[in-house]
């Protein structure tokens, strides 16, 4: 192998002049990418475009599925609250009482309850209560409408305590997304009837707002049981899905595959890619379809541009290779001639030093090289010393960073564990008590959900600054214990001092008046558990943390925004 390489590089290629080697190399370098790009551009670009569309469309389908589920759950929660209400339970009891007057009053009362519950919801266009026989409890309803609602209830599967959603055609071209829920008496769990709620499709239209995949993609929700398009974007017009799409979804389910991206050929003989996401407890699917020919159109355009650019680069490379070959070969020939003359004993020969390239520098600096070797060595040693000092500073900085929480700037959990162990040992040696505060921001998850994680991070930073400001002694340590939980180690502190400092922290956080709409107080508050004890040889860090943590639990159990002192008996648990 080595002999073959030597033959090519030292034998065959060395027989060719440098300028011709350069010209040939430029041609090969420009032709090879051109050929490869021509052969692979279409396939690779198609794959990249498909992967991009797949990633984005799958994410969009999942997000729409989640948003749809949230909107459906909103209607379900309202219906569940109504089904369990004392007023509706009492009306249903009167309806089945057998007393004609009470039954008639119950029918009227049911209509008022439904109106009171759903009257403020503009997207709910139908609300009816059905009895055990699936007959509408409303004396004023039109018979055809009551019959169609009853048929929906009769076609429903065993609800099993869940809400059931279906597409309901009310006649006159009106279409609703209907929810059916079984109602049971809370006293004996016996069937009491069914709640029917019709929702306008426009209720779900905002889910599709701002969603634009490009490539003539379509997004809609389909019932896989019959192919009916339940909800689609405002630009959609199809009422049923392509049977080929339904077949692909069915095949995916039958083979127990977990793929969320499928390919199929539609009735129009067009190849489609579809991202799918199933809605739990239903036969509905969120589907995003993209025709493959639209993807390939962009791919073909990219391929043609690559080939055109490659041909242009090839033409330019031919010209550049000739110019560059001449600029290298001619000075080298002169330098080789001068070296031959010097080798024959003529040390007065000199090479013309035109230009500023490497060959000119080589001719100019050859005689100076030996004199500057020592200078380069000294400069190298100085650089090594400088880099060593910089590395030491970087190591010290890295060590400090490894003990600091990146978000709040206070000590991290690792630093907290080290300091707590050391302070326990010092407390044993000195005989002075030790205190530990465990602080947790109240209702922080709700704060994050309402205001976003950016606001949540800023809230944690503000709390950390309050803790640092309240811990002014050099021996105190403020650390982020994890999530929204902080800890403060107070060395040489008795119980009264620790409790006072904890109360000051609680008050300082409350006085910040950081708005928190989901907190009973309306502002950000904190709960603090305090562990204050005199350590001995048997005291461990885990015991101290357990005391403070149990106190923190009691503080939250007692209503939050308070300080609770932990019991030393927790050490024995």
Protein backbone atom coordinates (compact mmCIF):
# COMPACT_ATOMS: atom_id res chain seq x y z
CA UNK A 1 0.00 0.00 0.00
CA UNK A 2 2.77 2.42 0.93
CA UNK A 3 4.63 1.58 -2.27
CA UNK A 4 1.57 2.42 -4.36
CA UNK A 5 1.12 5.71 -2.53
CA UNK A 6 4.79 6.54 -2.96
CA UNK A 7 4.56 5.73 -6.65
CA UNK A 8 1.61 8.09 -7.11
CA UNK A 9 2.80 10.96 -4.93
CA UNK A 10 6.59 10.75 -5.32
CA UNK A 11 6.84 9.00 -8.66
CA UNK A 12 4.01 9.69 -11.06
CA UNK A 13 2.87 13.11 -9.76
CA UNK A 14 6.42 14.40 -9.32
CA UNK A 15 6.96 13.91 -13.03
CA UNK A 16 4.30 16.54 -13.71
CA UNK A 17 5.14 20.19 -13.37
CA UNK A 18 3.57 22.03 -10.46
CA UNK A 19 1.49 24.32 -12.63
CA UNK A 20 -0.13 21.37 -14.39
CA UNK A 21 -0.70 19.61 -11.08
CA UNK A 22 -2.48 22.72 -9.77
CA UNK A 23 -4.60 23.08 -12.89
CA UNK A 24 -5.66 19.43 -12.78
CA UNK A 25 -6.40 19.59 -9.06
CA UNK A 26 -8.60 22.66 -9.54
CA UNK A 27 -10.52 20.87 -12.28
CA UNK A 28 -11.02 17.77 -10.15
CA UNK A 29 -11.99 19.77 -7.07
CA UNK A 30 -14.64 21.65 -9.04
CA UNK A 31 -15.90 18.67 -11.06
CA UNK A 32 -16.24 16.19 -8.20
CA UNK A 33 -18.60 18.37 -6.09
CA UNK A 34 -20.54 19.20 -9.25
CA UNK A 35 -21.08 15.53 -10.08
CA UNK A 36 -21.88 14.59 -6.49
CA UNK A 37 -24.30 17.49 -6.04
CA UNK A 38 -26.00 16.64 -9.34
CA UNK A 39 -26.50 13.03 -8.26
CA UNK A 40 -27.38 13.56 -4.61
CA UNK A 41 -28.89 17.06 -4.36
CA UNK A 42 -32.40 15.98 -5.28
CA UNK A 43 -32.51 13.06 -2.87
CA UNK A 44 -30.76 14.79 0.03
CA UNK A 45 -32.71 18.01 -0.31
CA UNK A 46 -35.96 16.05 -0.54
CA UNK A 47 -35.08 14.18 2.62
CA UNK A 48 -34.08 17.37 4.43
CA UNK A 49 -37.28 19.15 3.39
CA UNK A 50 -39.38 16.15 4.39
CA UNK A 51 -37.65 15.93 7.77
CA UNK A 52 -38.21 19.63 8.34
CA UNK A 53 -41.88 19.41 7.43
CA UNK A 54 -42.24 16.24 9.47
CA UNK A 55 -40.71 17.77 12.59
CA UNK A 56 -42.74 20.95 12.37
CA UNK A 57 -46.03 19.39 11.31
CA UNK A 58 -45.85 16.73 14.04
CA UNK A 59 -45.24 19.43 16.63
CA UNK A 60 -48.14 21.49 15.26
CA UNK A 61 -50.48 18.47 15.26
CA UNK A 62 -49.57 17.66 18.85
CA UNK A 63 -50.01 21.26 19.95
CA UNK A 64 -53.39 21.56 18.25
CA UNK A 65 -54.39 18.27 19.88
CA UNK A 66 -53.45 19.63 23.29
CA UNK A 67 -55.25 22.94 22.68
CA UNK A 68 -58.35 21.12 21.45
CA UNK A 69 -58.29 18.86 24.49
CA UNK A 70 -58.10 21.89 26.77
CA UNK A 71 -61.13 23.47 25.10
CA UNK A 72 -63.06 20.21 25.31
CA UNK A 73 -62.10 19.82 28.97
CA UNK A 74 -63.45 23.30 29.66
CA UNK A 75 -66.89 22.24 28.41
CA UNK A 76 -66.56 18.88 30.22
CA UNK A 77 -65.69 20.54 33.53
CA UNK A 78 -68.72 22.81 33.29
CA UNK A 79 -70.98 19.85 32.47
CA UNK A 80 -69.57 17.75 35.31
CA UNK A 81 -70.10 20.60 37.76
CA UNK A 82 -73.69 20.93 36.56
CA UNK A 83 -74.34 17.17 36.71
CA UNK A 84 -73.20 17.03 40.34
CA UNK A 85 -74.95 20.22 41.44
CA UNK A 86 -77.57 19.91 44.17
CA UNK A 87 -80.05 21.93 42.15
CA UNK A 88 -80.00 19.62 39.12
CA UNK A 89 -80.00 16.52 41.33
CA UNK A 90 -83.09 17.84 43.12
CA UNK A 91 -84.87 18.64 39.85
CA UNK A 92 -84.18 15.16 38.49
CA UNK A 93 -85.48 13.66 41.71
CA UNK A 94 -88.71 15.64 41.31
CA UNK A 95 -88.94 14.59 37.65
CA UNK A 96 -88.91 10.90 38.60
CA UNK A 97 -91.05 11.35 41.74
CA UNK A 98 -94.26 10.33 39.95
CA UNK A 99 -96.05 13.50 41.08
CA UNK A 100 -97.39 15.24 37.99
CA UNK A 101 -97.04 18.76 39.37
CA UNK A 102 -93.52 18.20 40.64
CA UNK A 103 -92.54 16.58 37.35
CA UNK A 104 -93.86 19.50 35.32
CA UNK A 105 -92.08 22.00 37.54
CA UNK A 106 -88.90 19.99 37.18
CA UNK A 107 -89.10 20.23 33.37
CA UNK A 108 -89.31 24.01 33.56
CA UNK A 109 -86.61 24.11 36.19
CA UNK A 110 -84.27 22.03 34.04
CA UNK A 111 -84.57 24.53 31.19
CA UNK A 112 -83.75 27.42 33.54
CA UNK A 113 -80.74 25.60 35.01
CA UNK A 114 -79.36 24.87 31.54
CA UNK A 115 -79.86 28.49 30.52
CA UNK A 116 -78.20 29.79 33.69
CA UNK A 117 -75.22 27.45 33.19
CA UNK A 118 -74.59 27.87 29.48
CA UNK A 119 -76.31 31.16 28.67
CA UNK A 120 -73.09 33.09 29.17
CA UNK A 121 -71.19 30.80 26.78
CA UNK A 122 -71.83 32.16 23.26
CA UNK A 123 -70.28 29.12 21.58
CA UNK A 124 -72.78 26.71 23.17
CA UNK A 125 -75.77 26.73 20.82
CA UNK A 126 -77.66 23.72 22.21
CA UNK A 127 -78.16 22.40 25.73
CA UNK A 128 -80.64 19.68 26.58
CA UNK A 129 -81.27 17.19 29.35
CA UNK A 130 -82.41 13.67 28.45
CA UNK A 131 -84.04 11.20 30.83
CA UNK A 132 -83.13 7.54 31.32
CA UNK A 133 -85.03 6.60 28.16
CA UNK A 134 -82.94 9.15 26.24
CA UNK A 135 -85.94 11.43 25.72
CA UNK A 136 -85.42 15.21 25.85
CA UNK A 137 -86.81 16.81 29.03
CA UNK A 138 -88.11 19.98 27.39
CA UNK A 139 -91.85 20.33 26.55
CA UNK A 140 -91.22 23.17 24.06
CA UNK A 141 -88.65 21.45 21.83
CA UNK A 142 -89.62 20.56 18.26
CA UNK A 143 -90.32 16.86 17.83
CA UNK A 144 -87.84 16.34 14.90
CA UNK A 145 -85.08 18.04 16.84
CA UNK A 146 -85.84 16.02 19.96
CA UNK A 147 -85.80 12.83 17.88
CA UNK A 148 -82.41 13.61 16.34
CA UNK A 149 -80.91 14.37 19.77
CA UNK A 150 -82.35 11.12 21.13
CA UNK A 151 -80.77 9.21 18.25
CA UNK A 152 -77.40 10.72 19.09
CA UNK A 153 -77.79 9.49 22.65
CA UNK A 154 -78.88 6.04 21.50
CA UNK A 155 -75.87 5.74 19.20
CA UNK A 156 -73.47 6.64 22.00
CA UNK A 157 -71.25 3.86 23.39
CA UNK A 158 -71.04 2.95 27.05
CA UNK A 159 -69.89 6.27 28.49
CA UNK A 160 -68.30 4.76 31.58
CA UNK A 161 -68.31 8.06 33.45
CA UNK A 162 -66.54 9.96 30.64
CA UNK A 163 -67.83 12.62 28.30
CA UNK A 164 -68.41 11.48 24.70
CA UNK A 165 -67.92 13.82 21.76
CA UNK A 166 -69.42 13.44 18.31
CA UNK A 167 -70.39 15.48 15.28
CA UNK A 168 -74.05 16.43 15.27
CA UNK A 169 -76.08 17.73 12.32
CA UNK A 170 -79.00 19.73 13.62
CA UNK A 171 -80.64 20.24 10.24
CA UNK A 172 -80.85 23.29 7.91
CA UNK A 173 -77.13 22.90 7.21
CA UNK A 174 -76.18 23.56 10.84
CA UNK A 175 -73.38 21.49 12.29
CA UNK A 176 -72.34 21.26 15.93
CA UNK A 177 -69.73 19.42 17.90
CA UNK A 178 -71.81 17.66 20.53
CA UNK A 179 -70.84 16.39 23.97
CA UNK A 180 -72.90 13.75 25.79
CA UNK A 181 -72.44 12.98 29.50
CA UNK A 182 -74.27 10.47 31.66
CA UNK A 183 -75.79 11.83 34.89
CA UNK A 184 -76.18 9.68 37.99
CA UNK A 185 -77.84 10.38 41.31
CA UNK A 186 -75.15 11.21 43.84
CA UNK A 187 -77.03 9.45 46.61
CA UNK A 188 -77.33 5.94 45.10
CA UNK A 189 -75.29 6.18 41.84
CA UNK A 190 -78.34 5.15 39.82
CA UNK A 191 -78.77 6.50 36.25
CA UNK A 192 -80.59 9.83 36.20
CA UNK A 193 -80.28 10.92 32.57
CA UNK A 194 -77.94 12.44 30.00
CA UNK A 195 -76.63 15.95 29.38
CA UNK A 196 -76.39 17.02 25.71
CA UNK A 197 -74.28 20.11 24.89
CA UNK A 198 -73.87 21.34 21.29
CA UNK A 199 -70.85 23.56 20.58
CA UNK A 200 -70.36 25.66 17.46
CA UNK A 201 -67.31 24.62 15.40
CA UNK A 202 -66.18 28.26 15.56
CA UNK A 203 -65.32 27.56 19.21
CA UNK A 204 -62.33 25.57 17.94
CA UNK A 205 -61.37 27.81 15.00
CA UNK A 206 -58.91 29.89 17.03
CA UNK A 207 -56.81 26.75 17.52
CA UNK A 208 -55.81 27.00 13.86
CA UNK A 209 -55.07 30.75 13.89
CA UNK A 210 -51.46 31.59 13.15
CA UNK A 211 -50.68 28.03 12.01
CA UNK A 212 -49.13 28.09 8.56
CA UNK A 213 -46.96 25.19 7.40
CA UNK A 214 -46.60 26.27 3.78
CA UNK A 215 -46.37 23.79 0.90
CA UNK A 216 -50.22 23.92 0.50
CA UNK A 217 -50.60 22.00 3.76
CA UNK A 218 -54.04 21.43 5.29
CA UNK A 219 -54.85 21.03 8.98
CA UNK A 220 -58.10 19.54 10.22
CA UNK A 221 -59.66 17.20 12.78
CA UNK A 222 -61.20 13.98 11.46
CA UNK A 223 -63.34 11.28 13.01
CA UNK A 224 -61.51 8.08 12.01
CA UNK A 225 -64.65 5.99 12.56
CA UNK A 226 -66.53 7.45 9.57
CA UNK A 227 -64.11 9.93 7.94
CA UNK A 228 -66.14 13.01 8.86
CA UNK A 229 -64.12 16.23 9.13
CA UNK A 230 -65.08 17.53 12.55
CA UNK A 231 -63.25 20.87 12.58
CA UNK A 232 -60.95 22.49 10.05
CA UNK A 233 -59.33 25.84 9.39
CA UNK A 234 -61.47 28.69 8.13
CA UNK A 235 -60.16 28.11 4.59
CA UNK A 236 -61.15 24.43 4.58
CA UNK A 237 -64.19 23.19 2.71
CA UNK A 238 -64.05 19.38 2.71
CA UNK A 239 -66.66 17.58 4.80
CA UNK A 240 -65.05 14.12 4.63
CA UNK A 241 -61.46 12.97 4.70
CA UNK A 242 -59.66 11.07 1.93
CA UNK A 243 -60.36 7.32 2.37
CA UNK A 244 -56.67 6.62 1.71
CA UNK A 245 -55.78 8.73 4.74
CA UNK A 246 -58.29 6.85 6.91
CA UNK A 247 -56.92 3.54 5.63
CA UNK A 248 -53.35 4.56 6.52
CA UNK A 249 -54.44 5.60 10.02
CA UNK A 250 -56.33 2.31 10.46
CA UNK A 251 -53.31 0.34 9.22
CA UNK A 252 -51.06 2.18 11.66
CA UNK A 253 -53.40 1.25 14.53
CA UNK A 254 -53.81 -2.38 13.46
CA UNK A 255 -50.05 -2.91 13.29
CA UNK A 256 -49.64 -1.29 16.71
CA UNK A 257 -47.21 1.22 15.34
CA UNK A 258 -46.51 4.42 17.23
CA UNK A 259 -45.66 6.45 14.11
CA UNK A 260 -47.00 10.02 14.15
CA UNK A 261 -46.03 10.62 10.50
CA UNK A 262 -47.47 8.56 7.63
CA UNK A 263 -47.46 8.64 3.83
CA UNK A 264 -50.36 7.77 1.52
CA UNK A 265 -51.60 8.21 -2.04
CA UNK A 266 -54.88 10.11 -2.25
CA UNK A 267 -57.80 9.67 -4.58
CA UNK A 268 -56.26 12.37 -6.81
CA UNK A 269 -53.22 10.08 -7.28
CA UNK A 270 -51.06 12.57 -5.37
CA UNK A 271 -48.60 11.40 -2.76
CA UNK A 272 -49.20 12.99 0.64
CA UNK A 273 -47.33 13.13 3.94
CA UNK A 274 -49.50 13.40 7.06
CA UNK A 275 -48.70 14.22 10.67
CA UNK A 276 -51.30 12.69 13.00
CA UNK A 277 -52.08 13.08 16.71
CA UNK A 278 -54.92 11.18 18.45
CA UNK A 279 -57.26 12.79 20.95
CA UNK A 280 -57.55 10.59 24.07
CA UNK A 281 -60.83 8.73 24.72
CA UNK A 282 -62.15 9.46 21.20
CA UNK A 283 -61.87 8.39 17.57
CA UNK A 284 -60.82 11.91 16.57
CA UNK A 285 -57.41 12.67 15.07
CA UNK A 286 -55.63 15.95 14.40
CA UNK A 287 -54.21 15.65 10.87
CA UNK A 288 -51.80 17.88 8.91
CA UNK A 289 -51.43 16.82 5.26
CA UNK A 290 -48.77 18.06 2.81
CA UNK A 291 -48.61 17.11 -0.90
CA UNK A 292 -45.21 15.69 -1.77
CA UNK A 293 -45.08 17.40 -5.16
CA UNK A 294 -45.03 20.79 -3.44
CA UNK A 295 -42.04 19.67 -1.38
CA UNK A 296 -40.28 18.34 -4.47
CA UNK A 297 -40.87 21.59 -6.37
CA UNK A 298 -38.66 23.44 -3.90
CA UNK A 299 -36.19 20.57 -4.00
CA UNK A 300 -35.92 20.68 -7.80
CA UNK A 301 -35.37 24.42 -7.65
CA UNK A 302 -32.56 23.97 -5.15
CA UNK A 303 -31.03 21.21 -7.28
CA UNK A 304 -31.04 23.38 -10.42
CA UNK A 305 -29.46 26.25 -8.54
CA UNK A 306 -26.73 23.97 -7.20
CA UNK A 307 -25.91 22.70 -10.70
CA UNK A 308 -25.86 26.23 -12.14
CA UNK A 309 -23.59 27.45 -9.36
CA UNK A 310 -21.36 24.41 -9.85
CA UNK A 311 -20.95 25.10 -13.59
CA UNK A 312 -20.12 28.73 -12.90
CA UNK A 313 -17.59 27.74 -10.26
CA UNK A 314 -16.03 25.26 -12.68
CA UNK A 315 -15.48 27.96 -15.32
CA UNK A 316 -14.02 30.36 -12.79
CA UNK A 317 -11.79 27.65 -11.34
CA UNK A 318 -10.19 26.98 -14.72
CA UNK A 319 -9.15 30.62 -15.03
CA UNK A 320 -8.01 30.87 -11.42
CA UNK A 321 -6.05 27.63 -11.63
CA UNK A 322 -4.04 28.91 -14.61
CA UNK A 323 -3.27 32.22 -12.90
CA UNK A 324 -2.40 30.64 -9.54
CA UNK A 325 -0.26 27.94 -11.17
CA UNK A 326 1.80 30.55 -12.97
CA UNK A 327 2.18 32.72 -9.84
CA UNK A 328 3.64 29.71 -7.97
CA UNK A 329 5.64 27.84 -10.61
CA UNK A 330 7.65 30.78 -12.04
CA UNK A 331 9.05 32.05 -8.67
CA UNK A 332 9.79 28.47 -7.63
CA UNK A 333 11.75 27.86 -10.83
CA UNK A 334 13.83 30.97 -10.13
CA UNK A 335 14.44 29.87 -6.53
CA UNK A 336 15.45 26.36 -7.65
CA UNK A 337 17.87 27.85 -10.19
CA UNK A 338 19.45 30.08 -7.53
CA UNK A 339 19.84 27.13 -5.14
CA UNK A 340 21.59 25.12 -7.87
CA UNK A 341 24.02 27.94 -8.44
CA UNK A 342 24.62 28.24 -4.67
CA UNK A 343 25.20 24.50 -4.53
CA UNK A 344 27.88 24.85 -7.17
CA UNK A 345 29.75 27.34 -4.95
CA UNK A 346 28.42 30.71 -6.05
CA UNK A 347 27.30 32.24 -2.71
CA UNK A 348 26.81 35.68 -4.21
CA UNK A 349 23.74 34.68 -6.10
CA UNK A 350 20.52 36.32 -5.01
CA UNK A 351 16.88 35.75 -5.85
CA UNK A 352 14.64 38.59 -6.93
CA UNK A 353 12.18 39.32 -4.08
CA UNK A 354 9.10 40.55 -5.94
CA UNK A 355 5.75 40.30 -4.20
CA UNK A 356 4.82 39.45 -0.61
CA UNK A 357 3.83 35.80 -0.79
CA UNK A 358 5.42 32.83 0.99
CA UNK A 359 8.03 32.27 -1.72
CA UNK A 360 9.24 35.88 -1.41
CA UNK A 361 9.30 35.55 2.38
CA UNK A 362 11.25 32.29 2.07
CA UNK A 363 13.87 33.97 -0.13
CA UNK A 364 14.10 37.00 2.15
CA UNK A 365 14.09 35.25 5.53
CA UNK A 366 16.23 32.20 4.84
CA UNK A 367 19.48 33.86 5.99
CA UNK A 368 17.82 35.37 9.04
CA UNK A 369 16.30 32.12 10.33
CA UNK A 370 19.24 30.94 12.40
CA UNK A 371 19.66 34.27 14.18
CA UNK A 372 16.01 34.37 15.23
CA UNK A 373 15.74 30.82 16.58
CA UNK A 374 16.82 31.90 20.08
CA UNK A 375 14.50 34.88 20.00
CA UNK A 376 11.59 32.65 19.02
CA UNK A 377 12.46 30.25 21.83
CA UNK A 378 12.39 33.04 24.45
CA UNK A 379 9.11 34.35 23.08
CA UNK A 380 7.69 30.82 23.22
CA UNK A 381 8.69 30.45 26.88
CA UNK A 382 7.01 33.76 27.68
CA UNK A 383 3.87 32.61 25.92
CA UNK A 384 3.89 29.36 27.89
CA UNK A 385 4.22 31.26 31.17
CA UNK A 386 1.44 33.63 30.17
CA UNK A 387 -0.86 30.79 29.18
CA UNK A 388 -0.10 29.01 32.46
CA UNK A 389 -1.17 32.05 34.49
CA UNK A 390 -4.30 32.44 32.38
CA UNK A 391 -5.12 28.76 32.91
CA UNK A 392 -4.73 29.15 36.69
CA UNK A 393 -7.10 32.14 36.68
CA UNK A 394 -9.55 30.22 34.52
CA UNK A 395 -9.43 27.25 36.92
CA UNK A 396 -10.15 29.50 39.89
CA UNK A 397 -13.05 31.09 38.03
CA UNK A 398 -14.37 27.67 37.05
CA UNK A 399 -14.18 26.50 40.66
CA UNK A 400 -16.25 29.50 41.75
CA UNK A 401 -18.80 28.89 39.01
CA UNK A 402 -19.15 25.23 39.97
CA UNK A 403 -20.42 26.31 43.41
CA UNK A 404 -22.84 28.98 42.14
CA UNK A 405 -26.39 28.62 40.89
CA UNK A 406 -26.46 29.94 37.33
CA UNK A 407 -29.95 31.46 37.55
CA UNK A 408 -29.96 33.28 40.89
CA UNK A 409 -26.25 33.83 41.54
CA UNK A 410 -26.43 32.33 45.05
CA UNK A 411 -24.73 29.11 46.14
CA UNK A 412 -25.93 25.92 44.50
CA UNK A 413 -26.95 22.60 46.11
CA UNK A 414 -23.41 21.24 45.94
CA UNK A 415 -22.02 24.25 47.81
CA UNK A 416 -24.88 24.06 50.35
CA UNK A 417 -24.13 20.41 51.19
CA UNK A 418 -20.44 21.17 51.74
CA UNK A 419 -21.03 24.24 53.93
CA UNK A 420 -23.73 22.54 56.05
CA UNK A 421 -21.39 19.64 56.90
CA UNK A 422 -18.57 22.05 57.77
CA UNK A 423 -20.83 24.28 59.89
CA UNK A 424 -22.10 21.25 61.83
CA UNK A 425 -18.52 20.27 62.66
CA UNK A 426 -17.72 23.84 63.70
CA UNK A 427 -20.85 23.98 65.84
CA UNK A 428 -19.76 20.80 67.63
CA UNK A 429 -16.27 22.22 68.26
CA UNK A 430 -17.39 25.69 69.36
CA UNK A 431 -20.51 24.69 71.27
CA UNK A 432 -22.56 27.38 69.52
CA UNK A 433 -26.02 26.59 68.10
CA UNK A 434 -26.76 26.37 64.40
CA UNK A 435 -29.90 27.33 62.43
CA UNK A 436 -31.16 26.33 59.01
CA UNK A 437 -34.00 28.03 57.11
CA UNK A 438 -35.79 26.18 54.30
CA UNK A 439 -37.84 28.58 52.14
CA UNK A 440 -40.35 27.72 49.40
CA UNK A 441 -42.11 30.25 47.14
CA UNK A 442 -45.87 29.75 47.56
CA UNK A 443 -47.94 28.68 44.54
CA UNK A 444 -44.88 29.01 42.32
CA UNK A 445 -46.14 26.47 39.74
CA UNK A 446 -49.32 28.49 39.27
CA UNK A 447 -47.16 31.62 38.93
CA UNK A 448 -45.15 29.91 36.20
CA UNK A 449 -48.29 28.71 34.41
CA UNK A 450 -49.88 32.17 34.42
CA UNK A 451 -46.90 34.50 33.86
CA UNK A 452 -44.47 32.21 32.01
CA UNK A 453 -41.08 30.74 32.87
CA UNK A 454 -39.23 33.98 32.13
CA UNK A 455 -41.23 35.78 34.80
CA UNK A 456 -40.76 32.75 37.09
CA UNK A 457 -36.97 32.93 36.71
CA UNK A 458 -37.02 36.67 37.47
CA UNK A 459 -39.15 35.97 40.57
CA UNK A 460 -36.55 33.48 41.83
CA UNK A 461 -33.77 36.02 41.27
CA UNK A 462 -35.69 38.67 43.24
CA UNK A 463 -36.26 36.23 46.14
CA UNK A 464 -32.55 35.33 46.08
CA UNK A 465 -31.63 39.03 46.39
CA UNK A 466 -33.95 39.41 49.36
CA UNK A 467 -32.27 36.43 51.06
CA UNK A 468 -28.79 37.81 50.38
CA UNK A 469 -29.77 41.20 51.73
CA UNK A 470 -31.17 39.64 54.91
CA UNK A 471 -28.05 37.50 55.46
CA UNK A 472 -25.38 40.08 56.06
CA UNK A 473 -22.95 38.06 58.14
CA UNK A 474 -20.01 36.51 56.37
CA UNK A 475 -20.75 33.15 58.00
CA UNK A 476 -24.33 33.02 56.61
CA UNK A 477 -24.89 31.13 53.37
CA UNK A 478 -27.80 31.58 50.99
CA UNK A 479 -28.28 28.67 48.54
CA UNK A 480 -30.79 27.52 45.98
CA UNK A 481 -31.82 24.09 47.25
CA UNK A 482 -33.78 23.15 44.14
CA UNK A 483 -36.60 24.53 41.98
CA UNK A 484 -38.32 27.32 43.90
CA UNK A 485 -36.83 26.18 47.24
CA UNK A 486 -34.00 28.10 48.96
CA UNK A 487 -32.02 27.50 52.11
CA UNK A 488 -30.14 29.78 54.51
CA UNK A 489 -27.44 28.49 56.90
CA UNK A 490 -27.09 30.76 59.94
CA UNK A 491 -24.04 29.93 62.05
CA UNK A 492 -23.95 30.71 65.78
CA UNK A 493 -27.66 31.55 65.89
CA UNK A 494 -30.16 30.71 68.62
CA UNK A 495 -33.82 29.99 68.05
CA UNK A 496 -35.05 33.53 68.61
CA UNK A 497 -32.57 35.04 66.17
CA UNK A 498 -33.36 32.44 63.52
CA UNK A 499 -37.11 32.94 63.86
CA UNK A 500 -36.73 36.73 63.72
CA UNK A 501 -34.60 36.52 60.58
CA UNK A 502 -37.13 34.17 58.97
CA UNK A 503 -40.02 36.52 59.82
CA UNK A 504 -38.05 39.45 58.34
CA UNK A 505 -37.54 37.48 55.14
CA UNK A 506 -41.24 36.60 54.88
CA UNK A 507 -42.19 40.23 55.44
CA UNK A 508 -39.61 41.53 52.95
CA UNK A 509 -40.87 39.19 50.23
CA UNK A 510 -44.47 40.17 50.86
CA UNK A 511 -43.57 43.89 50.83
CA UNK A 512 -42.15 43.46 47.32
CA UNK A 513 -45.81 43.34 46.22
CA UNK A 514 -45.02 41.10 43.28
CA UNK A 515 -48.45 40.42 41.71
CA UNK A 516 -49.63 36.79 41.82
CA UNK A 517 -53.25 36.49 40.67
CA UNK A 518 -53.47 32.80 41.66
CA UNK A 519 -52.33 33.41 45.26
CA UNK A 520 -54.92 34.11 47.97
CA UNK A 521 -52.97 37.21 49.01
CA UNK A 522 -52.64 38.47 45.46
CA UNK A 523 -48.87 38.74 45.80
CA UNK A 524 -45.79 36.53 45.89
CA UNK A 525 -45.29 35.07 49.38
CA UNK A 526 -43.04 32.44 50.92
CA UNK A 527 -43.24 29.76 53.59
CA UNK A 528 -40.23 29.06 55.81
CA UNK A 529 -39.33 26.09 57.96
CA UNK A 530 -36.74 26.71 60.70
CA UNK A 531 -34.40 24.19 62.31
CA UNK A 532 -32.44 25.58 65.29
CA UNK A 533 -30.36 23.21 67.39
CA UNK A 534 -27.14 22.58 69.20
CA UNK A 535 -25.23 20.01 67.19
CA UNK A 536 -23.36 17.09 68.71
CA UNK A 537 -21.23 14.31 67.27
CA UNK A 538 -24.28 12.31 66.26
CA UNK A 539 -25.99 15.16 64.38
CA UNK A 540 -25.98 14.73 60.61
CA UNK A 541 -26.75 17.15 57.81
CA UNK A 542 -29.66 14.97 56.72
CA UNK A 543 -31.25 15.29 60.17
CA UNK A 544 -31.02 19.09 60.14
CA UNK A 545 -32.49 19.29 56.64
CA UNK A 546 -35.29 16.90 57.67
CA UNK A 547 -36.23 19.13 60.62
CA UNK A 548 -36.36 22.27 58.49
CA UNK A 549 -38.17 20.46 55.69
CA UNK A 550 -40.84 19.10 58.05
CA UNK A 551 -41.31 22.60 59.44
CA UNK A 552 -41.66 23.94 55.91
CA UNK A 553 -44.31 21.29 55.23
CA UNK A 554 -46.28 22.39 58.32
CA UNK A 555 -45.95 26.05 57.27
CA UNK A 556 -47.55 25.26 53.93
CA UNK A 557 -50.17 23.02 55.57
CA UNK A 558 -51.14 25.82 57.96
CA UNK A 559 -51.86 28.21 55.12
CA UNK A 560 -48.48 29.39 53.71
CA UNK A 561 -46.87 32.84 54.06
CA UNK A 562 -45.66 31.98 57.54
CA UNK A 563 -42.71 30.73 59.57
CA UNK A 564 -42.82 27.43 61.51
CA UNK A 565 -40.16 26.19 63.91
CA UNK A 566 -39.23 22.54 63.45
CA UNK A 567 -39.15 20.06 66.31
CA UNK A 568 -35.82 18.54 67.34
CA UNK A 569 -37.67 15.23 67.78
CA UNK A 570 -37.59 14.87 64.01
CA UNK A 571 -33.91 13.98 64.31
CA UNK A 572 -34.86 10.58 65.68
CA UNK A 573 -37.24 9.69 62.82
